[in-house]
Amino acid sequence: RVLGGGTAINAGFYSRAHPGWFHGHGEGAEVPDWDMRLVNSSYEWVEQELTFQPEVHGWQAAVRAALLEANVTPWNGFTVEHVTGTKIGATTFDASGRRHSAADLLAFARPGRLHVAVRAAVTRVIINPIDPAARRGRSRPAVAAVGVVYQDRLFQLHHALLRPGGEVILSAGTLGSPQLLLLSGVGPANDLTSLGIPVSVDAPDVGKHMFDNPRNGISIIPSVPIDHSLIQVVGIPSANGTASYLEAASYIVPVSPMLRPAGPFISPTSPLYVTMATIMEKVPGPLSEGSLWLSSPNPVETPSVRFNYFSRPEDLAQCVVGVRRVAQVLQSRTMDIFRSSVGSASQGRRGHARRDFRIVGATLPLDWSTNNTSVADFCRRTVATLWHYHGGCVVGRVVDKDFRVMGTQSLRVVDGSTFSVTPGTNPQATVMMMGS
């Protein structure tokens, strides 16, 4: 029950992953028993405060039945454990529909020791040399963080400095934390010098080993009314991370007014809103690496990032298997109710009109069950993000096992940028657990 999972953004399921997702991140490092107890108790604390059992009906209930029909078994019911089979995970919405988030955990903080600056964007960490006489040994870092520079909503700059014994803790996310380290002079020396940024620590792995879980799926316009839902049901064909996860959602999307005729009571510029349902697969891991780099030394300019989806053949092979499982779910008898009539009765068999899915976007190749090449091409053409970015400040390369930035003092990174693999399904719970 150690490590993993999280609530999907805005609702979604909650899932812990198998052991080995935390310290060491697959590098063979063992976690002491007292650390494991601390990790598990932190998860339980987050779960008790922020997660609830959802009511599963409509589209999510149909997906649950279809997953079982497609042999993603056993049925595990409602659980936050990361186990093989089909399950319902927790939601961050309570019974009254109120969404809970990490902000709720501030109720357990010490208000007198907490000061929050709103509309304040940090632009860099202030890193100063350490007096050699105070280093007490050659192995100690030569520089230390002493504060941060931030700008307010009027773009005026301010300094926030540490008290003796304090630390700067970056939690700017997978894209923000490596960007801030680079802006602060912690990163590949040649890259920083070329941008005119003074080098504080030559750290070649900052911004490297970036990952994002590739997502592929099929979207349909159902033939019957369905509810709107974020991810609640999940299929986990293999809990050891060797098979894609299967998830589903339903939502309203606007259709371009150019696709609908104007009428006496309809403006030609009014969009048509339709309900769409999606079944998707997500490649765990993944193994394909990307990188992040600065386009300029201007802190308000977005860094450049490339994830290199499917650059490793193992990830592409997992996508092929995952897409085939999506097709098997769609072929289940449970999904027949969402098919629409196609053509006339005279064109169908035995006097009945043919029924098929009204697919939005790319369709599966006709030979999806036999042709690996065509399914792999579908994976490449339709790949999208699931917003599970991670890496850039990976443990063992940029930060140590206690999340201290190597080569510095008084500076840590505590967020998803330290992961080399995603913990379970969504990393939100793990990030909150780290912060607790």
Protein backbone atom coordinates (compact mmCIF):
# COMPACT_ATOMS: atom_id res chain seq x y z
CA ARG A 1 0.00 0.00 0.00
CA VAL A 2 3.02 2.21 -0.26
CA LEU A 3 3.21 5.12 -2.66
CA GLY A 4 1.30 6.20 -5.59
CA GLY A 5 -1.85 7.37 -7.11
CA GLY A 6 -3.86 10.43 -6.60
CA THR A 7 -7.13 12.06 -7.31
CA ALA A 8 -7.62 12.90 -10.93
CA ILE A 9 -7.84 16.61 -11.57
CA ASN A 10 -11.14 18.06 -10.30
CA ALA A 11 -12.55 14.68 -9.27
CA GLY A 12 -11.31 11.41 -10.62
CA PHE A 13 -10.21 8.28 -8.92
CA TYR A 14 -7.72 7.89 -6.17
CA SER A 15 -5.18 5.10 -6.27
CA ARG A 16 -2.07 4.13 -4.42
CA ALA A 17 0.60 2.32 -6.36
CA HIS A 18 2.80 -0.68 -5.67
CA PRO A 19 5.98 -0.40 -3.50
CA GLY A 20 9.04 1.16 -5.06
CA TRP A 21 7.63 4.42 -6.44
CA PHE A 22 9.21 6.66 -3.80
CA HIS A 23 12.83 7.02 -2.60
CA GLY A 24 15.07 5.58 -5.28
CA HIS A 25 12.31 5.65 -7.90
CA GLY A 26 13.09 2.26 -9.36
CA GLU A 27 16.85 2.53 -8.82
CA GLY A 28 16.92 -0.25 -6.24
CA ALA A 29 17.04 1.97 -3.16
CA GLU A 30 15.37 0.49 -0.11
CA VAL A 31 13.26 2.57 2.22
CA PRO A 32 13.66 1.99 5.99
CA ASP A 33 10.64 0.62 7.84
CA TRP A 34 10.15 3.87 9.76
CA ASP A 35 10.04 5.77 6.47
CA MET A 36 7.44 3.36 5.12
CA ARG A 37 5.26 3.85 8.19
CA LEU A 38 5.57 7.62 7.80
CA VAL A 39 4.66 7.38 4.11
CA ASN A 40 1.58 5.25 4.74
CA SER A 41 0.38 7.39 7.63
CA SER A 42 0.74 10.48 5.43
CA TYR A 43 -1.38 8.85 2.74
CA GLU A 44 -4.07 7.94 5.26
CA TRP A 45 -4.12 11.48 6.59
CA VAL A 46 -4.59 12.95 3.10
CA GLU A 47 -7.23 10.34 2.24
CA GLN A 48 -9.26 10.94 5.37
CA GLU A 49 -9.38 14.68 4.80
CA LEU A 50 -9.82 14.99 1.06
CA THR A 51 -11.41 11.89 -0.48
CA PHE A 52 -14.92 10.49 -0.65
CA GLN A 53 -16.68 7.51 -2.19
CA PRO A 54 -18.49 8.60 -5.36
CA GLU A 55 -21.90 7.51 -6.58
CA VAL A 56 -21.22 5.65 -9.80
CA HIS A 57 -24.01 5.60 -12.38
CA GLY A 58 -24.69 6.34 -16.02
CA TRP A 59 -21.60 6.40 -18.22
CA GLN A 60 -19.19 5.41 -15.44
CA ALA A 61 -21.36 2.42 -14.48
CA ALA A 62 -21.47 1.33 -18.12
CA VAL A 63 -17.69 1.58 -18.41
CA ARG A 64 -17.33 -0.48 -15.22
CA ALA A 65 -19.47 -3.26 -16.71
CA ALA A 66 -17.69 -3.05 -20.07
CA LEU A 67 -14.24 -3.35 -18.47
CA LEU A 68 -15.31 -6.51 -16.67
CA GLU A 69 -16.82 -7.85 -19.88
CA ALA A 70 -13.48 -7.15 -21.60
CA ASN A 71 -11.83 -9.33 -18.93
CA VAL A 72 -10.15 -6.56 -16.92
CA THR A 73 -10.79 -8.54 -13.76
CA PRO A 74 -11.26 -9.11 -10.86
CA TRP A 75 -13.88 -6.63 -9.64
CA ASN A 76 -12.38 -4.84 -6.63
CA GLY A 77 -15.25 -2.50 -5.73
CA PHE A 78 -14.37 0.79 -4.06
CA THR A 79 -10.73 1.00 -2.98
CA VAL A 80 -7.78 3.38 -2.91
CA GLU A 81 -5.35 0.50 -3.31
CA HIS A 82 -3.53 0.01 -6.60
CA VAL A 83 -4.54 -3.53 -7.54
CA THR A 84 -5.07 -5.56 -10.70
CA GLY A 85 -8.60 -5.47 -12.07
CA THR A 86 -11.45 -2.96 -12.24
CA LYS A 87 -12.30 -0.66 -9.35
CA ILE A 88 -13.94 2.55 -8.23
CA GLY A 89 -11.65 5.13 -6.70
CA ALA A 90 -12.33 8.06 -4.43
CA THR A 91 -13.42 11.51 -5.50
CA THR A 92 -12.44 14.93 -4.16
CA PHE A 93 -16.11 16.01 -4.27
CA ASP A 94 -18.11 15.44 -1.09
CA ALA A 95 -21.79 14.46 -0.91
CA SER A 96 -22.90 18.09 -1.27
CA GLY A 97 -20.84 18.58 -4.43
CA ARG A 98 -18.13 20.71 -2.81
CA ARG A 99 -14.66 20.08 -4.19
CA HIS A 100 -11.81 19.58 -1.74
CA SER A 101 -8.17 20.32 -2.48
CA ALA A 102 -4.75 20.71 -0.93
CA ALA A 103 -5.93 24.08 0.41
CA ASP A 104 -8.04 22.15 2.96
CA LEU A 105 -4.84 20.85 4.54
CA LEU A 106 -3.92 24.40 5.57
CA ALA A 107 -6.49 24.03 8.36
CA PHE A 108 -3.94 21.83 10.11
CA ALA A 109 -1.09 24.31 9.74
CA ARG A 110 0.10 26.77 12.37
CA PRO A 111 -1.45 30.05 11.22
CA GLY A 112 0.93 32.15 13.27
CA ARG A 113 3.90 30.75 11.35
CA LEU A 114 2.32 30.94 7.92
CA HIS A 115 2.46 34.02 5.70
CA VAL A 116 0.99 33.85 2.21
CA ALA A 117 1.74 36.41 -0.49
CA VAL A 118 -0.96 36.43 -3.17
CA ARG A 119 -0.33 37.47 -6.77
CA ALA A 120 3.38 37.04 -6.07
CA ALA A 121 5.40 35.18 -8.69
CA VAL A 122 8.90 34.03 -7.72
CA THR A 123 11.42 34.89 -10.45
CA ARG A 124 14.57 33.32 -8.98
CA VAL A 125 16.20 31.92 -5.86
CA ILE A 126 18.93 34.07 -4.33
CA ILE A 127 22.02 31.86 -4.07
CA ASN A 128 25.17 33.21 -2.39
CA PRO A 129 28.65 31.75 -1.89
CA ILE A 130 29.42 30.30 1.55
CA ASP A 131 32.42 31.63 3.42
CA PRO A 132 35.09 28.90 3.10
CA ALA A 133 35.84 29.23 6.81
CA ALA A 134 32.24 28.31 7.60
CA ARG A 135 32.11 25.26 5.33
CA ARG A 136 33.84 22.99 7.82
CA GLY A 137 35.19 20.57 5.26
CA ARG A 138 35.78 20.32 1.53
CA SER A 139 32.75 18.11 0.88
CA ARG A 140 30.25 20.76 1.89
CA PRO A 141 28.48 22.82 -0.82
CA ALA A 142 30.07 26.12 -1.75
CA VAL A 143 26.76 27.98 -2.14
CA ALA A 144 23.51 28.33 -0.20
CA ALA A 145 20.04 29.67 -0.85
CA VAL A 146 19.34 32.79 1.21
CA GLY A 147 15.94 33.86 -0.13
CA VAL A 148 13.90 34.51 -3.24
CA VAL A 149 13.06 37.40 -5.55
CA TYR A 150 9.40 37.75 -6.46
CA GLN A 151 7.28 40.21 -8.38
CA ASP A 152 3.84 41.48 -7.47
CA ARG A 153 0.86 42.08 -9.75
CA LEU A 154 2.34 45.44 -10.78
CA PHE A 155 5.60 43.66 -11.75
CA GLN A 156 7.53 45.34 -8.95
CA LEU A 157 10.30 43.18 -7.49
CA HIS A 158 10.63 42.22 -3.82
CA HIS A 159 13.07 40.15 -1.79
CA ALA A 160 12.12 37.58 0.83
CA LEU A 161 15.15 36.49 2.87
CA LEU A 162 15.63 33.48 5.11
CA ARG A 163 16.07 33.62 8.84
CA PRO A 164 19.05 31.69 10.29
CA GLY A 165 18.48 27.97 9.84
CA GLY A 166 15.72 28.47 7.27
CA GLU A 167 15.30 26.86 3.86
CA VAL A 168 13.86 27.71 0.48
CA ILE A 169 11.48 24.96 -0.67
CA LEU A 170 10.46 25.04 -4.31
CA SER A 171 7.07 23.54 -5.13
CA ALA A 172 6.49 25.16 -8.49
CA GLY A 173 5.64 21.93 -10.26
CA THR A 174 7.30 19.88 -12.94
CA LEU A 175 7.65 22.81 -15.32
CA GLY A 176 8.15 25.58 -12.79
CA SER A 177 10.75 24.13 -10.42
CA PRO A 178 13.42 23.27 -13.01
CA GLN A 179 12.75 26.62 -14.68
CA LEU A 180 13.40 28.43 -11.38
CA LEU A 181 16.58 26.46 -10.73
CA LEU A 182 17.86 27.37 -14.19
CA LEU A 183 16.95 31.03 -13.72
CA SER A 184 18.80 30.92 -10.40
CA GLY A 185 22.01 29.61 -11.94
CA VAL A 186 21.59 25.93 -11.05
CA GLY A 187 21.78 23.87 -14.23
CA PRO A 188 24.00 22.98 -17.20
CA ALA A 189 26.80 25.54 -17.12
CA ASN A 190 27.12 25.93 -20.90
CA ASP A 191 23.40 26.53 -21.36
CA LEU A 192 23.27 29.08 -18.55
CA THR A 193 26.34 30.94 -19.81
CA SER A 194 24.89 31.18 -23.31
CA LEU A 195 21.87 32.99 -21.82
CA GLY A 196 23.97 35.30 -19.67
CA ILE A 197 22.88 33.68 -16.39
CA PRO A 198 25.67 33.50 -13.76
CA VAL A 199 26.40 29.87 -12.85
CA SER A 200 25.98 29.00 -9.18
CA VAL A 201 26.07 25.21 -9.56
CA ASP A 202 26.93 23.25 -12.69
CA ALA A 203 24.07 20.73 -12.53
CA PRO A 204 23.73 19.09 -15.98
CA ASP A 205 20.57 17.09 -15.08
CA VAL A 206 18.33 20.06 -14.25
CA GLY A 207 15.57 20.05 -16.86
CA LYS A 208 16.57 16.61 -18.09
CA HIS A 209 14.72 13.30 -17.62
CA MET A 210 11.34 14.90 -18.29
CA PHE A 211 8.40 12.53 -18.70
CA ASP A 212 4.71 12.73 -19.52
CA ASN A 213 2.28 9.84 -19.69
CA PRO A 214 0.97 9.52 -23.25
CA ARG A 215 -2.79 9.19 -23.55
CA ASN A 216 -4.79 7.81 -26.47
CA GLY A 217 -8.49 7.21 -26.70
CA ILE A 218 -11.71 7.11 -28.64
CA SER A 219 -14.42 9.76 -28.22
CA ILE A 220 -18.04 9.19 -29.15
CA ILE A 221 -21.31 11.10 -29.19
CA PRO A 222 -23.64 8.64 -27.39
CA SER A 223 -27.07 7.87 -28.81
CA VAL A 224 -28.73 8.24 -25.41
CA PRO A 225 -28.47 11.00 -22.80
CA ILE A 226 -25.67 10.48 -20.29
CA ASP A 227 -24.44 12.30 -17.23
CA HIS A 228 -21.25 14.33 -17.12
CA SER A 229 -18.48 12.69 -15.15
CA LEU A 230 -14.77 12.84 -14.58
CA ILE A 231 -12.76 9.71 -13.96
CA GLN A 232 -14.25 7.45 -11.28
CA VAL A 233 -13.76 3.93 -12.65
CA VAL A 234 -10.37 2.57 -13.66
CA GLY A 235 -9.17 -0.65 -15.24
CA ILE A 236 -5.72 -1.80 -14.14
CA PRO A 237 -4.78 -4.85 -16.28
CA SER A 238 -1.51 -5.24 -14.36
CA ALA A 239 -0.66 -3.60 -11.04
CA ASN A 240 3.10 -3.83 -11.61
CA GLY A 241 3.08 -1.05 -14.18
CA THR A 242 3.51 -3.23 -17.28
CA ALA A 243 0.11 -2.49 -18.86
CA SER A 244 -1.79 0.68 -19.72
CA TYR A 245 -4.50 1.97 -17.38
CA LEU A 246 -8.01 2.34 -18.79
CA GLU A 247 -10.15 5.31 -17.80
CA ALA A 248 -13.21 7.18 -19.05
CA ALA A 249 -14.95 10.54 -18.81
CA SER A 250 -18.00 12.31 -20.21
CA TYR A 251 -18.37 16.04 -20.77
CA ILE A 252 -19.97 18.82 -22.82
CA VAL A 253 -18.10 20.30 -25.78
CA PRO A 254 -19.09 23.10 -28.20
CA VAL A 255 -19.43 22.25 -31.89
CA SER A 256 -18.46 24.92 -34.39
CA PRO A 257 -21.46 26.99 -35.59
CA MET A 258 -20.27 26.35 -39.16
CA LEU A 259 -21.40 22.74 -38.75
CA ARG A 260 -25.03 23.62 -37.99
CA PRO A 261 -27.66 25.45 -40.08
CA ALA A 262 -29.04 28.77 -38.93
CA GLY A 263 -32.76 29.04 -38.17
CA PRO A 264 -35.30 31.70 -37.22
CA PHE A 265 -34.52 31.29 -33.53
CA ILE A 266 -30.88 30.20 -33.84
CA SER A 267 -28.03 32.61 -34.38
CA PRO A 268 -25.58 31.39 -37.03
CA THR A 269 -22.78 32.17 -34.60
CA SER A 270 -24.25 30.22 -31.67
CA PRO A 271 -22.28 27.04 -30.94
CA LEU A 272 -24.06 23.74 -30.53
CA TYR A 273 -23.20 21.99 -27.29
CA VAL A 274 -23.08 18.20 -27.39
CA THR A 275 -22.26 15.56 -24.82
CA MET A 276 -19.20 13.50 -25.59
CA ALA A 277 -17.84 10.38 -23.92
CA THR A 278 -14.25 9.18 -24.03
CA ILE A 279 -12.52 5.91 -23.22
CA MET A 280 -8.76 6.24 -22.98
CA GLU A 281 -5.62 4.32 -22.15
CA LYS A 282 -2.55 5.75 -20.43
CA VAL A 283 0.92 4.27 -20.77
CA PRO A 284 2.49 3.96 -17.29
CA GLY A 285 6.05 5.02 -16.61
CA PRO A 286 6.87 5.98 -19.30
CA LEU A 287 10.40 5.21 -20.51
CA SER A 288 10.54 7.89 -23.22
CA GLU A 289 12.46 10.92 -21.94
CA GLY A 290 12.27 14.55 -22.86
CA SER A 291 13.81 17.77 -21.62
CA LEU A 292 13.08 21.34 -20.59
CA TRP A 293 15.19 24.37 -21.37
CA LEU A 294 15.01 28.14 -21.11
CA SER A 295 14.14 30.12 -24.22
CA SER A 296 15.44 33.29 -22.58
CA PRO A 297 16.54 34.56 -19.14
CA ASN A 298 13.20 36.38 -18.81
CA PRO A 299 11.31 34.65 -15.95
CA VAL A 300 7.88 35.45 -17.39
CA GLU A 301 8.69 33.66 -20.63
CA THR A 302 7.48 30.06 -20.74
CA PRO A 303 10.28 27.48 -20.91
CA SER A 304 10.49 25.11 -23.86
CA VAL A 305 9.77 21.44 -23.26
CA ARG A 306 9.73 18.34 -25.41
CA PHE A 307 8.51 14.99 -24.03
CA ASN A 308 9.45 12.80 -27.02
CA TYR A 309 6.38 10.58 -26.77
CA PHE A 310 6.96 7.00 -27.96
CA SER A 311 10.66 7.54 -28.60
CA ARG A 312 11.14 4.26 -26.75
CA PRO A 313 9.62 1.27 -28.56
CA GLU A 314 8.49 -0.23 -25.24
CA ASP A 315 6.08 2.67 -24.71
CA LEU A 316 4.70 2.35 -28.23
CA ALA A 317 4.18 -1.39 -27.75
CA GLN A 318 2.24 -0.71 -24.53
CA CYS A 319 0.07 1.82 -26.36
CA VAL A 320 -0.76 -0.77 -29.03
CA VAL A 321 -1.94 -3.21 -26.38
CA GLY A 322 -3.82 -0.47 -24.51
CA VAL A 323 -5.63 0.78 -27.61
CA ARG A 324 -6.72 -2.77 -28.37
CA ARG A 325 -8.18 -3.01 -24.87
CA VAL A 326 -10.10 0.22 -25.51
CA ALA A 327 -11.50 -1.37 -28.68
CA GLN A 328 -12.49 -4.49 -26.73
CA VAL A 329 -14.34 -2.34 -24.21
CA LEU A 330 -16.20 -0.57 -27.02
CA GLN A 331 -17.12 -3.93 -28.56
CA SER A 332 -18.72 -5.17 -25.35
CA ARG A 333 -22.47 -5.73 -25.23
CA THR A 334 -22.73 -3.10 -22.49
CA MET A 335 -21.64 -0.42 -24.96
CA ASP A 336 -24.28 -1.29 -27.57
CA ILE A 337 -26.76 1.13 -26.02
CA PHE A 338 -24.50 4.04 -27.00
CA ARG A 339 -24.44 3.09 -30.71
CA SER A 340 -26.50 5.06 -33.21
CA SER A 341 -28.43 3.82 -36.22
CA VAL A 342 -26.47 4.17 -39.45
CA GLY A 343 -28.16 4.05 -42.86
CA SER A 344 -31.67 2.79 -43.61
CA ALA A 345 -33.37 -0.43 -42.63
CA SER A 346 -33.05 -1.73 -46.21
CA GLN A 347 -29.27 -1.38 -45.94
CA GLY A 348 -29.04 -3.35 -42.72
CA ARG A 349 -29.21 -7.02 -42.00
CA ARG A 350 -32.54 -8.79 -41.40
CA GLY A 351 -34.43 -5.56 -41.92
CA HIS A 352 -32.68 -3.61 -39.17
CA ALA A 353 -30.52 -0.52 -39.63
CA ARG A 354 -26.87 -1.00 -38.83
CA ARG A 355 -25.79 0.52 -35.52
CA ASP A 356 -22.37 2.01 -34.89
CA PHE A 357 -20.63 4.60 -32.76
CA ARG A 358 -20.65 8.26 -33.78
CA ILE A 359 -16.93 8.76 -33.33
CA VAL A 360 -15.47 12.23 -32.95
CA GLY A 361 -11.96 12.58 -34.31
CA ALA A 362 -9.72 9.73 -35.35
CA THR A 363 -11.20 6.26 -35.69
CA LEU A 364 -9.49 2.98 -35.01
CA PRO A 365 -8.01 1.22 -38.04
CA LEU A 366 -10.24 -1.54 -39.38
CA ASP A 367 -7.51 -4.11 -38.79
CA TRP A 368 -6.84 -3.00 -35.20
CA SER A 369 -6.96 -6.55 -33.86
CA THR A 370 -4.23 -7.91 -36.16
CA ASN A 371 -2.08 -5.09 -37.53
CA ASN A 372 0.47 -3.74 -35.04
CA THR A 373 1.77 -1.19 -37.53
CA SER A 374 -1.59 0.48 -38.14
CA VAL A 375 -2.38 0.64 -34.40
CA ALA A 376 1.09 2.07 -33.69
CA ASP A 377 0.43 4.74 -36.32
CA PHE A 378 -2.88 5.52 -34.58
CA CYS A 379 -0.97 5.92 -31.30
CA ARG A 380 1.45 8.40 -32.83
CA ARG A 381 -1.27 10.40 -34.61
CA THR A 382 -3.61 10.72 -31.64
CA VAL A 383 -1.26 10.99 -28.66
CA ALA A 384 -2.27 13.62 -26.09
CA THR A 385 -1.22 14.59 -22.60
CA LEU A 386 -2.92 13.49 -19.39
CA TRP A 387 -1.17 16.40 -17.60
CA HIS A 388 0.92 14.04 -15.46
CA TYR A 389 4.19 15.81 -16.15
CA HIS A 390 7.10 14.68 -14.00
CA GLY A 391 10.88 14.84 -13.92
CA GLY A 392 13.32 17.69 -14.41
CA CYS A 393 14.63 17.63 -10.80
CA VAL A 394 14.85 13.86 -10.40
CA VAL A 395 15.92 12.23 -7.13
CA GLY A 396 19.50 10.99 -7.35
CA ARG A 397 20.38 13.41 -10.14
CA VAL A 398 19.28 16.89 -9.04
CA VAL A 399 18.02 16.34 -5.48
CA ASP A 400 19.03 13.75 -2.90
CA LYS A 401 16.66 11.33 -1.13
CA ASP A 402 15.61 14.13 1.23
CA PHE A 403 14.85 16.42 -1.74
CA ARG A 404 17.81 18.73 -1.06
CA VAL A 405 19.25 20.26 -4.23
CA MET A 406 22.69 18.70 -4.58
CA GLY A 407 25.56 21.16 -4.58
CA THR A 408 23.66 23.71 -2.47
CA GLN A 409 22.60 24.30 1.10
CA SER A 410 19.18 25.43 2.36
CA LEU A 411 17.40 24.58 -0.90
CA ARG A 412 14.93 21.75 -1.58
CA VAL A 413 12.46 20.81 -4.31
CA VAL A 414 9.29 19.06 -3.16
CA ASP A 415 6.92 18.32 -6.04
CA GLY A 416 6.38 16.05 -9.05
CA SER A 417 9.56 17.23 -10.75
CA THR A 418 11.47 14.86 -8.45
CA PHE A 419 9.70 11.74 -9.83
CA SER A 420 11.27 9.56 -12.50
CA VAL A 421 8.04 7.58 -12.87
CA THR A 422 4.45 8.48 -12.10
CA PRO A 423 3.24 6.94 -8.85
CA GLY A 424 0.19 4.94 -9.85
CA THR A 425 -2.42 6.78 -11.83
CA ASN A 426 -2.53 10.48 -10.91
CA PRO A 427 0.34 11.94 -8.83
CA GLN A 428 -1.78 14.48 -6.92
CA ALA A 429 -2.09 12.47 -3.71
CA THR A 430 1.62 11.67 -3.65
CA VAL A 431 2.53 15.35 -4.03
CA MET A 432 0.22 16.26 -1.15
CA MET A 433 1.62 13.41 0.93
CA MET A 434 5.17 14.70 0.30
CA GLY A 435 4.14 18.14 1.49
CA SER A 436 2.56 16.77 4.64
